[in-house]
Amino acid sequence: MEAIIDSIRNAFAPVRHEGLPIIVVVVIVAILLGLLWSPFFWIGIILAGWMAYFFRDPQRTSPQHPDIVVSPADGQVSAVGPAIPPVELGLGPSPMTRVSVYMNFFDCHVNRAPAAGRVARIAYRPGKFVNADLDKASEDNERNGLVIETAHGALGVVQIAGLVARRILSWTAENAELATGQRFGMIRFGSRLDVYLPASARVLVAVGQRAIAGETPIADYGTMPAGWPARVD
């Protein structure tokens, strides 16, 4: 019953203001086309309803524990393993542990800080728009990266545009202080987020697992509160 209530609550979550202009345009077009043929109106209204669902921004309860790293996005864990971080992040040439979360059209696209800390760097890089579920998307696609200085060292989180996504939004700035789970941006219409973890972090998720932005622990630094999931090595 609790899961059903949570699903209903998420479905009727507030809409991000970034999506309101798009929804208004869709409604206006639906009305105008509906004057020509009434089914166009209902198709447009259904599309506007889906847009409102896509731009939803539900409340999340994030664990404020210094040893916890949470998922920055809703979606499916698509990759876990060593990878060299993007050069523009300045995190060095050595591989770091990367956890990738892929968002489909039905996932909430608001992105949240994986850990508390200071935004030391923001680096945008234009690129391609291949399927974000493919591993090469981390190297080839348009992306926006943040380096967050945490209590356990520098952590990288990268927003990656997808096949359909054409707009990466970031609401934070360099030297800003972020709390764990704090909203920092979003990507429109299907995309991916990569988290590059310090060497001391231990991964808690596996490929194929579903993650909730700001709530699902994806890594820790050795001190887990009682009741948290077992590690996946």
Protein backbone atom coordinates (compact mmCIF):
# COMPACT_ATOMS: atom_id res chain seq x y z
CA MET A 1 0.00 0.00 0.00
CA GLU A 2 2.84 2.41 0.84
CA ALA A 3 4.42 1.80 -2.59
CA ILE A 4 1.11 2.61 -4.29
CA ILE A 5 0.75 5.82 -2.28
CA ASP A 6 4.32 6.85 -3.19
CA SER A 7 3.63 6.21 -6.89
CA ILE A 8 0.48 8.35 -6.78
CA ARG A 9 2.31 11.11 -4.92
CA ASN A 10 5.13 11.13 -7.48
CA ALA A 11 2.67 11.19 -10.38
CA PHE A 12 1.10 14.39 -9.04
CA ALA A 13 4.34 16.07 -7.98
CA PRO A 14 4.88 19.79 -8.66
CA VAL A 15 6.05 20.73 -12.15
CA ARG A 16 9.43 22.43 -12.64
CA HIS A 17 8.99 25.97 -13.96
CA GLU A 18 11.45 25.17 -16.77
CA GLY A 19 8.77 22.93 -18.27
CA LEU A 20 5.87 25.38 -18.05
CA PRO A 21 6.62 27.27 -21.31
CA ILE A 22 6.74 23.98 -23.23
CA ILE A 23 3.46 22.79 -21.71
CA VAL A 24 1.76 26.12 -22.51
CA VAL A 25 2.94 26.00 -26.13
CA VAL A 26 1.65 22.43 -26.52
CA VAL A 27 -1.76 23.42 -25.12
CA ILE A 28 -2.01 26.45 -27.43
CA VAL A 29 -1.08 24.36 -30.48
CA ALA A 30 -3.61 21.73 -29.40
CA ILE A 31 -6.36 24.35 -29.24
CA LEU A 32 -5.49 25.81 -32.65
CA LEU A 33 -5.23 22.43 -34.36
CA GLY A 34 -8.39 21.33 -32.60
CA LEU A 35 -10.27 24.03 -34.49
CA LEU A 36 -9.31 22.21 -37.69
CA TRP A 37 -9.95 18.67 -36.46
CA SER A 38 -11.14 17.91 -32.93
CA PRO A 39 -8.98 14.77 -32.39
CA PHE A 40 -5.89 17.01 -32.66
CA PHE A 41 -7.04 18.80 -29.51
CA TRP A 42 -7.23 15.63 -27.45
CA ILE A 43 -3.90 14.37 -28.79
CA GLY A 44 -2.33 17.68 -27.76
CA ILE A 45 -3.90 17.59 -24.31
CA ILE A 46 -2.58 14.06 -23.75
CA LEU A 47 0.87 15.24 -24.86
CA ALA A 48 0.69 18.24 -22.50
CA GLY A 49 -0.24 15.89 -19.65
CA TRP A 50 2.79 13.75 -20.42
CA MET A 51 4.98 16.87 -20.47
CA ALA A 52 3.70 17.82 -17.01
CA TYR A 53 4.57 14.31 -15.82
CA PHE A 54 8.03 14.51 -17.42
CA PHE A 55 8.86 17.83 -15.75
CA ARG A 56 7.66 16.68 -12.32
CA ASP A 57 9.81 17.52 -9.32
CA PRO A 58 8.88 15.27 -6.37
CA GLN A 59 10.14 15.82 -2.85
CA ARG A 60 12.92 13.47 -1.78
CA THR A 61 14.41 12.60 1.61
CA SER A 62 18.19 12.37 1.31
CA PRO A 63 20.48 10.73 3.88
CA GLN A 64 22.64 13.48 5.38
CA HIS A 65 25.49 11.16 6.29
CA PRO A 66 29.05 12.19 5.31
CA ASP A 67 29.98 8.64 4.30
CA ILE A 68 27.06 8.13 1.88
CA VAL A 69 27.02 8.88 -1.86
CA VAL A 70 23.53 8.86 -3.37
CA SER A 71 22.30 8.53 -6.92
CA PRO A 72 22.15 11.86 -8.78
CA ALA A 73 19.32 10.64 -11.01
CA ASP A 74 16.26 8.44 -11.22
CA GLY A 75 16.82 5.50 -13.54
CA GLN A 76 18.67 2.27 -14.10
CA VAL A 77 22.31 1.67 -13.19
CA SER A 78 23.79 1.04 -16.64
CA ALA A 79 27.51 0.74 -15.86
CA VAL A 80 29.81 0.22 -12.87
CA GLY A 81 33.57 0.05 -13.18
CA PRO A 82 36.85 1.89 -13.70
CA ALA A 83 36.94 4.75 -16.22
CA ILE A 84 39.11 7.78 -16.88
CA PRO A 85 37.13 10.93 -15.99
CA PRO A 86 36.60 13.60 -18.67
CA VAL A 87 39.75 15.67 -19.04
CA GLU A 88 37.90 18.96 -18.55
CA LEU A 89 37.09 17.99 -14.94
CA GLY A 90 40.77 18.10 -14.00
CA LEU A 91 40.54 14.91 -11.95
CA GLY A 92 43.69 13.43 -13.50
CA PRO A 93 44.48 10.72 -16.07
CA SER A 94 44.08 7.73 -13.75
CA PRO A 95 40.86 5.66 -13.81
CA MET A 96 38.28 6.31 -11.11
CA THR A 97 35.29 4.17 -10.18
CA ARG A 98 32.39 5.27 -12.38
CA VAL A 99 28.71 4.60 -11.69
CA SER A 100 26.36 5.47 -14.56
CA VAL A 101 22.60 5.97 -14.23
CA TYR A 102 20.47 5.99 -17.39
CA MET A 103 17.19 7.93 -17.43
CA ASN A 104 14.44 6.93 -19.84
CA PHE A 105 11.48 9.08 -20.95
CA PHE A 106 9.43 8.09 -17.92
CA ASP A 107 12.02 8.81 -15.21
CA CYS A 108 12.08 12.06 -13.27
CA HIS A 109 14.84 14.15 -14.88
CA VAL A 110 15.72 16.46 -11.99
CA ASN A 111 19.35 15.86 -11.00
CA ARG A 112 20.57 15.96 -7.40
CA ALA A 113 23.97 16.29 -5.73
CA PRO A 114 25.39 12.85 -4.89
CA ALA A 115 27.25 14.18 -1.85
CA ALA A 116 27.65 17.33 0.20
CA GLY A 117 30.48 19.68 -0.69
CA ARG A 118 31.73 22.72 -2.58
CA VAL A 119 31.40 22.96 -6.36
CA ALA A 120 35.06 23.38 -7.29
CA ARG A 121 34.56 23.32 -11.07
CA ILE A 122 31.84 23.34 -13.71
CA ALA A 123 32.89 22.31 -17.21
CA TYR A 124 30.63 22.16 -20.28
CA ARG A 125 31.66 20.36 -23.46
CA PRO A 126 29.64 20.24 -26.70
CA GLY A 127 29.40 16.92 -28.48
CA LYS A 128 27.24 14.33 -30.20
CA PHE A 129 23.81 12.98 -29.28
CA VAL A 130 24.20 9.19 -29.51
CA ASN A 131 22.10 6.88 -27.34
CA ALA A 132 22.99 7.74 -23.73
CA ASP A 133 22.68 4.06 -22.78
CA LEU A 134 25.81 3.29 -24.83
CA ASP A 135 29.17 3.42 -23.07
CA LYS A 136 30.70 5.71 -25.72
CA ALA A 137 28.16 8.40 -24.78
CA SER A 138 30.39 9.25 -21.80
CA GLU A 139 33.15 10.27 -24.23
CA ASP A 140 31.31 11.51 -27.33
CA ASN A 141 28.09 13.21 -26.19
CA GLU A 142 27.41 16.76 -25.12
CA ARG A 143 27.98 16.96 -21.39
CA ASN A 144 28.19 19.22 -18.35
CA GLY A 145 30.41 18.17 -15.48
CA LEU A 146 30.70 19.23 -11.85
CA VAL A 147 33.60 18.57 -9.51
CA ILE A 148 32.43 18.54 -5.89
CA GLU A 149 35.00 18.79 -3.10
CA THR A 150 33.70 16.51 -0.36
CA ALA A 151 34.97 15.38 3.02
CA HIS A 152 36.45 12.33 1.26
CA GLY A 153 38.03 14.09 -1.70
CA ALA A 154 36.97 15.29 -5.13
CA LEU A 155 33.96 13.64 -6.74
CA GLY A 156 32.83 14.16 -10.34
CA VAL A 157 29.24 14.12 -11.58
CA VAL A 158 28.57 14.52 -15.30
CA GLN A 159 25.25 15.25 -17.03
CA ILE A 160 25.25 13.62 -20.48
CA ALA A 161 22.78 14.45 -23.23
CA GLY A 162 21.12 11.54 -25.03
CA LEU A 163 19.74 10.64 -28.45
CA VAL A 164 16.71 12.91 -28.05
CA ALA A 165 17.93 15.25 -25.30
CA ARG A 166 18.99 18.64 -26.61
CA ARG A 167 19.22 20.73 -23.47
CA ILE A 168 21.31 20.32 -20.34
CA LEU A 169 20.31 22.66 -17.51
CA SER A 170 22.48 23.52 -14.50
CA TRP A 171 21.28 25.67 -11.60
CA THR A 172 24.43 25.82 -9.53
CA ALA A 173 27.68 27.79 -9.76
CA GLU A 174 31.33 27.36 -8.92
CA ASN A 175 32.08 27.73 -5.18
CA ALA A 176 28.45 26.99 -4.30
CA GLU A 177 27.88 24.68 -1.34
CA LEU A 178 25.62 21.74 -2.10
CA ALA A 179 23.88 19.47 0.38
CA THR A 180 23.44 15.77 -0.35
CA GLY A 181 20.39 15.42 -2.57
CA GLN A 182 20.13 19.12 -3.41
CA ARG A 183 18.79 19.84 -6.90
CA PHE A 184 21.47 21.14 -9.24
CA GLY A 185 20.06 20.65 -12.75
CA MET A 186 18.15 18.51 -15.23
CA ILE A 187 18.38 17.12 -18.76
CA ARG A 188 15.44 17.13 -21.13
CA PHE A 189 14.13 13.91 -22.68
CA GLY A 190 16.26 10.86 -21.95
CA SER A 191 19.86 11.03 -20.79
CA ARG A 192 22.51 9.76 -18.40
CA LEU A 193 24.57 10.79 -15.38
CA ASP A 194 28.04 9.51 -14.52
CA VAL A 195 29.50 9.72 -11.02
CA TYR A 196 33.29 9.43 -10.65
CA LEU A 197 34.14 8.29 -7.14
CA PRO A 198 37.34 8.71 -5.07
CA ALA A 199 39.47 5.60 -4.62
CA SER A 200 38.28 5.13 -1.03
CA ALA A 201 34.61 4.76 -2.07
CA ARG A 202 32.98 1.32 -2.19
CA VAL A 203 30.18 0.69 -4.66
CA LEU A 204 26.78 -0.40 -3.31
CA VAL A 205 24.85 -0.93 -6.56
CA ALA A 206 24.94 -3.33 -9.48
CA VAL A 207 24.17 -2.96 -13.18
CA GLY A 208 20.43 -3.24 -13.79
CA GLN A 209 19.41 -1.90 -10.38
CA ARG A 210 16.87 0.92 -10.20
CA ALA A 211 17.98 4.10 -8.44
CA ILE A 212 16.09 7.07 -7.01
CA ALA A 213 17.74 10.49 -7.19
CA GLY A 214 18.82 11.79 -3.81
CA GLU A 215 17.77 8.64 -1.95
CA THR A 216 19.44 5.47 -3.26
CA PRO A 217 22.98 5.00 -1.84
CA ILE A 218 25.37 4.11 -4.67
CA ALA A 219 28.59 4.13 -2.61
CA ASP A 220 29.97 4.62 0.89
CA TYR A 221 33.30 5.24 2.61
CA GLY A 222 33.18 2.50 5.20
CA THR A 223 30.73 3.56 7.89
CA MET A 224 27.21 2.46 7.05
CA PRO A 225 24.25 3.21 9.32
CA ALA A 226 22.34 0.16 10.56
CA GLY A 227 19.73 -1.06 8.11
CA TRP A 228 21.36 0.14 4.89
CA PRO A 229 21.79 -2.32 1.98
CA ALA A 230 24.73 -4.66 1.84
CA ARG A 231 27.58 -3.67 -0.43
CA VAL A 232 27.87 -5.00 -3.96
CA ASP A 233 31.56 -5.49 -4.84
